[in-house]
N, C-alpha and C. Protein backbone atom coordinates (compact mmCIF):
# COMPACT_ATOMS: atom_id res chain seq x y z
N MET A 1 -30.25 -32.43 6.56
CA MET A 1 -28.99 -33.03 6.23
C MET A 1 -27.92 -31.94 6.16
N LYS A 2 -26.85 -32.14 6.87
CA LYS A 2 -25.76 -31.16 6.90
C LYS A 2 -24.79 -31.45 5.75
N VAL A 3 -24.54 -30.41 4.96
CA VAL A 3 -23.64 -30.56 3.81
C VAL A 3 -22.25 -30.12 4.23
N PRO A 4 -21.25 -30.97 4.07
CA PRO A 4 -19.88 -30.58 4.44
C PRO A 4 -19.29 -29.62 3.41
N PHE A 5 -18.54 -28.67 3.90
CA PHE A 5 -17.85 -27.72 3.02
C PHE A 5 -16.35 -27.90 3.15
N TRP A 6 -15.65 -27.69 2.07
CA TRP A 6 -14.19 -27.70 2.11
C TRP A 6 -13.72 -26.41 2.75
N GLN A 7 -12.50 -26.42 3.26
CA GLN A 7 -11.94 -25.24 3.91
C GLN A 7 -11.90 -24.05 2.96
N GLU A 8 -11.58 -24.26 1.70
CA GLU A 8 -11.53 -23.18 0.72
C GLU A 8 -12.90 -22.54 0.53
N GLU A 9 -13.95 -23.35 0.56
CA GLU A 9 -15.31 -22.83 0.42
C GLU A 9 -15.71 -22.00 1.63
N LYS A 10 -15.33 -22.44 2.80
CA LYS A 10 -15.62 -21.68 4.02
C LYS A 10 -14.91 -20.32 3.99
N LEU A 11 -13.65 -20.33 3.55
CA LEU A 11 -12.89 -19.08 3.49
C LEU A 11 -13.47 -18.10 2.49
N ALA A 12 -14.07 -18.60 1.42
CA ALA A 12 -14.64 -17.73 0.40
C ALA A 12 -15.81 -16.91 0.94
N TRP A 13 -16.48 -17.39 1.96
CA TRP A 13 -17.64 -16.69 2.51
C TRP A 13 -17.31 -15.80 3.69
N GLU A 14 -16.06 -15.80 4.13
CA GLU A 14 -15.68 -14.92 5.23
C GLU A 14 -15.61 -13.47 4.74
N PRO A 15 -15.94 -12.51 5.62
CA PRO A 15 -15.85 -11.10 5.21
C PRO A 15 -14.39 -10.72 4.98
N PRO A 16 -14.15 -9.68 4.17
CA PRO A 16 -12.76 -9.26 3.90
C PRO A 16 -12.09 -8.71 5.15
N GLU A 17 -10.77 -8.76 5.15
CA GLU A 17 -10.01 -8.21 6.27
C GLU A 17 -10.22 -6.70 6.35
N LYS A 18 -10.14 -6.15 7.53
CA LYS A 18 -10.24 -4.71 7.72
C LYS A 18 -8.83 -4.12 7.66
N LEU A 19 -8.40 -3.80 6.46
CA LEU A 19 -7.07 -3.24 6.23
C LEU A 19 -7.21 -1.91 5.50
N THR A 20 -6.23 -1.04 5.67
CA THR A 20 -6.16 0.18 4.87
C THR A 20 -5.55 -0.17 3.52
N VAL A 21 -5.55 0.78 2.62
CA VAL A 21 -4.96 0.53 1.29
C VAL A 21 -3.47 0.22 1.43
N SER A 22 -2.76 0.99 2.26
CA SER A 22 -1.32 0.76 2.41
C SER A 22 -1.04 -0.59 3.08
N GLU A 23 -1.85 -0.99 4.05
CA GLU A 23 -1.68 -2.29 4.68
C GLU A 23 -1.97 -3.43 3.70
N THR A 24 -2.98 -3.23 2.86
CA THR A 24 -3.29 -4.23 1.82
C THR A 24 -2.12 -4.37 0.86
N ALA A 25 -1.57 -3.25 0.42
CA ALA A 25 -0.43 -3.29 -0.50
C ALA A 25 0.78 -3.95 0.14
N ASP A 26 1.05 -3.61 1.40
CA ASP A 26 2.20 -4.20 2.09
C ASP A 26 2.04 -5.71 2.25
N LYS A 27 0.83 -6.16 2.39
CA LYS A 27 0.58 -7.59 2.62
C LYS A 27 0.53 -8.40 1.33
N TYR A 28 -0.08 -7.86 0.27
CA TYR A 28 -0.36 -8.66 -0.93
C TYR A 28 0.39 -8.26 -2.19
N ARG A 29 0.90 -7.07 -2.28
CA ARG A 29 1.46 -6.56 -3.55
C ARG A 29 2.90 -6.98 -3.74
N VAL A 30 3.21 -7.44 -4.93
CA VAL A 30 4.57 -7.79 -5.33
C VAL A 30 4.87 -7.08 -6.63
N LEU A 31 5.98 -6.35 -6.68
CA LEU A 31 6.37 -5.59 -7.87
C LEU A 31 7.14 -6.50 -8.83
N SER A 32 6.92 -6.30 -10.11
CA SER A 32 7.53 -7.16 -11.13
C SER A 32 9.02 -6.83 -11.30
N TYR A 33 9.65 -7.61 -12.13
CA TYR A 33 11.07 -7.41 -12.40
C TYR A 33 11.33 -6.10 -13.15
N LYS A 34 10.29 -5.50 -13.73
CA LYS A 34 10.45 -4.25 -14.48
C LYS A 34 10.50 -3.03 -13.57
N ALA A 35 10.08 -3.18 -12.33
CA ALA A 35 10.03 -2.05 -11.39
C ALA A 35 11.44 -1.69 -10.91
N GLU A 36 11.61 -0.44 -10.54
CA GLU A 36 12.90 0.02 -10.01
C GLU A 36 13.26 -0.76 -8.74
N LYS A 37 12.29 -0.90 -7.85
CA LYS A 37 12.48 -1.68 -6.62
C LYS A 37 11.63 -2.93 -6.76
N ARG A 38 12.24 -4.04 -7.05
CA ARG A 38 11.52 -5.29 -7.31
C ARG A 38 11.17 -6.00 -6.01
N GLY A 39 10.18 -6.88 -6.12
CA GLY A 39 9.81 -7.71 -4.97
C GLY A 39 8.62 -7.16 -4.20
N LYS A 40 8.58 -7.47 -2.92
CA LYS A 40 7.46 -7.11 -2.06
C LYS A 40 7.31 -5.59 -1.96
N TRP A 41 6.08 -5.12 -2.07
CA TRP A 41 5.80 -3.69 -1.94
C TRP A 41 6.02 -3.26 -0.49
N GLU A 42 6.68 -2.13 -0.31
CA GLU A 42 6.88 -1.56 1.02
C GLU A 42 6.47 -0.09 0.98
N THR A 43 5.41 0.25 1.68
CA THR A 43 4.95 1.64 1.70
C THR A 43 6.00 2.54 2.34
N ASN A 44 6.77 2.01 3.27
CA ASN A 44 7.79 2.82 3.93
C ASN A 44 8.89 3.28 2.96
N PHE A 45 9.00 2.65 1.79
CA PHE A 45 9.96 3.08 0.78
C PHE A 45 9.61 4.48 0.27
N ASN A 46 8.32 4.80 0.21
CA ASN A 46 7.83 6.13 -0.17
C ASN A 46 6.67 6.48 0.77
N PRO A 47 6.96 6.93 1.99
CA PRO A 47 5.90 7.14 2.98
C PRO A 47 4.90 8.24 2.62
N VAL A 48 5.24 9.12 1.70
CA VAL A 48 4.32 10.18 1.28
C VAL A 48 3.09 9.56 0.62
N ALA A 49 3.26 8.43 -0.05
CA ALA A 49 2.15 7.78 -0.74
C ALA A 49 1.13 7.18 0.23
N ARG A 50 1.51 6.95 1.49
CA ARG A 50 0.61 6.34 2.47
C ARG A 50 -0.67 7.15 2.66
N ALA A 51 -0.56 8.43 2.89
CA ALA A 51 -1.74 9.27 3.12
C ALA A 51 -2.65 9.30 1.90
N PHE A 52 -2.05 9.40 0.73
CA PHE A 52 -2.82 9.42 -0.50
C PHE A 52 -3.57 8.11 -0.71
N MET A 53 -2.88 7.00 -0.53
CA MET A 53 -3.52 5.70 -0.73
C MET A 53 -4.60 5.44 0.31
N ASP A 54 -4.31 5.73 1.58
CA ASP A 54 -5.27 5.43 2.64
C ASP A 54 -6.53 6.28 2.58
N SER A 55 -6.43 7.46 1.99
CA SER A 55 -7.63 8.30 1.85
C SER A 55 -8.64 7.68 0.88
N PHE A 56 -8.17 6.80 0.00
CA PHE A 56 -9.06 6.11 -0.93
C PHE A 56 -10.06 5.21 -0.18
N GLY A 57 -9.66 4.67 0.95
CA GLY A 57 -10.50 3.75 1.70
C GLY A 57 -11.46 4.42 2.67
N ILE A 58 -11.46 5.74 2.75
CA ILE A 58 -12.35 6.46 3.66
C ILE A 58 -13.68 6.69 2.97
N ASP A 59 -14.77 6.31 3.62
CA ASP A 59 -16.10 6.36 2.99
C ASP A 59 -16.53 7.77 2.57
N CYS A 60 -16.18 8.78 3.35
CA CYS A 60 -16.67 10.13 3.04
C CYS A 60 -15.90 10.80 1.90
N VAL A 61 -14.79 10.24 1.47
CA VAL A 61 -14.03 10.81 0.35
C VAL A 61 -14.72 10.41 -0.95
N GLN A 62 -15.12 11.42 -1.73
CA GLN A 62 -15.83 11.16 -2.98
C GLN A 62 -15.00 11.45 -4.21
N GLU A 63 -13.99 12.29 -4.07
CA GLU A 63 -13.17 12.67 -5.22
C GLU A 63 -11.75 12.91 -4.75
N MET A 64 -10.79 12.48 -5.55
CA MET A 64 -9.38 12.68 -5.21
C MET A 64 -8.66 13.26 -6.42
N TRP A 65 -7.74 14.16 -6.15
CA TRP A 65 -6.89 14.72 -7.20
C TRP A 65 -5.45 14.42 -6.83
N LEU A 66 -4.68 13.98 -7.79
CA LEU A 66 -3.27 13.68 -7.54
C LEU A 66 -2.40 14.60 -8.39
N VAL A 67 -1.69 15.48 -7.72
CA VAL A 67 -0.72 16.34 -8.38
C VAL A 67 0.63 15.93 -7.82
N LYS A 68 1.50 15.42 -8.69
CA LYS A 68 2.73 14.83 -8.20
C LYS A 68 3.84 15.00 -9.22
N PRO A 69 5.08 14.89 -8.77
CA PRO A 69 6.19 14.88 -9.72
C PRO A 69 6.29 13.50 -10.37
N THR A 70 7.08 13.41 -11.42
CA THR A 70 7.27 12.12 -12.08
C THR A 70 8.04 11.17 -11.17
N GLN A 71 7.87 9.89 -11.41
CA GLN A 71 8.59 8.84 -10.69
C GLN A 71 8.40 8.94 -9.17
N SER A 72 7.17 9.15 -8.73
CA SER A 72 6.92 9.26 -7.29
C SER A 72 5.84 8.28 -6.82
N SER A 73 5.76 7.13 -7.41
CA SER A 73 4.85 6.04 -7.01
C SER A 73 3.38 6.34 -7.28
N GLY A 74 3.07 7.26 -8.14
CA GLY A 74 1.67 7.59 -8.43
C GLY A 74 0.92 6.44 -9.08
N THR A 75 1.47 5.89 -10.15
CA THR A 75 0.82 4.78 -10.85
C THR A 75 0.74 3.56 -9.95
N GLU A 76 1.80 3.25 -9.25
CA GLU A 76 1.80 2.09 -8.35
C GLU A 76 0.79 2.28 -7.22
N SER A 77 0.64 3.51 -6.73
CA SER A 77 -0.36 3.78 -5.69
C SER A 77 -1.77 3.56 -6.23
N LEU A 78 -2.01 3.98 -7.47
CA LEU A 78 -3.32 3.74 -8.08
C LEU A 78 -3.59 2.25 -8.25
N LEU A 79 -2.57 1.49 -8.62
CA LEU A 79 -2.73 0.04 -8.72
C LEU A 79 -3.02 -0.58 -7.35
N ASN A 80 -2.41 -0.03 -6.31
CA ASN A 80 -2.71 -0.51 -4.95
C ASN A 80 -4.16 -0.23 -4.57
N MET A 81 -4.69 0.90 -5.01
CA MET A 81 -6.09 1.23 -4.73
C MET A 81 -7.03 0.27 -5.45
N ILE A 82 -6.68 -0.10 -6.68
CA ILE A 82 -7.49 -1.08 -7.42
C ILE A 82 -7.45 -2.42 -6.71
N LEU A 83 -6.27 -2.83 -6.26
CA LEU A 83 -6.15 -4.08 -5.51
C LEU A 83 -7.03 -4.05 -4.27
N TYR A 84 -7.01 -2.94 -3.55
CA TYR A 84 -7.83 -2.78 -2.34
C TYR A 84 -9.32 -2.90 -2.68
N ALA A 85 -9.75 -2.25 -3.74
CA ALA A 85 -11.16 -2.29 -4.13
C ALA A 85 -11.58 -3.71 -4.50
N ILE A 86 -10.73 -4.43 -5.19
CA ILE A 86 -11.05 -5.81 -5.58
C ILE A 86 -11.16 -6.70 -4.36
N LEU A 87 -10.23 -6.55 -3.42
CA LEU A 87 -10.24 -7.41 -2.24
C LEU A 87 -11.38 -7.07 -1.27
N GLN A 88 -11.79 -5.81 -1.23
CA GLN A 88 -12.83 -5.41 -0.30
C GLN A 88 -14.23 -5.72 -0.83
N ASP A 89 -14.44 -5.60 -2.14
CA ASP A 89 -15.75 -5.83 -2.71
C ASP A 89 -15.59 -6.49 -4.08
N PRO A 90 -15.37 -7.80 -4.12
CA PRO A 90 -15.08 -8.47 -5.39
C PRO A 90 -16.31 -8.77 -6.25
N GLY A 91 -17.47 -8.24 -5.87
CA GLY A 91 -18.70 -8.54 -6.62
C GLY A 91 -18.79 -7.80 -7.93
N GLN A 92 -19.95 -7.86 -8.53
CA GLN A 92 -20.17 -7.19 -9.82
C GLN A 92 -20.11 -5.68 -9.67
N ALA A 93 -19.66 -5.02 -10.72
CA ALA A 93 -19.56 -3.56 -10.71
C ALA A 93 -20.89 -2.94 -11.06
């Protein structure tokens, strides 16, 4: 007997999209009203953060150090990495 599935159930079993951290942030991240630049996240607003964020998604990278000046998207980049990790592997930790 074939069991019908709803479209939402079918989508839940599809593998995650193959995106980099910066592409994930550009597609899904929205900054709150408290942010300096509100609304949709744009990596091009601070292109230096792109290399740092995208290195998080490379399998051979085991450790990262961030040395940065204040107000340079460091915390927001870390939040983008968390978003990427959740979307890529939402299972148990």
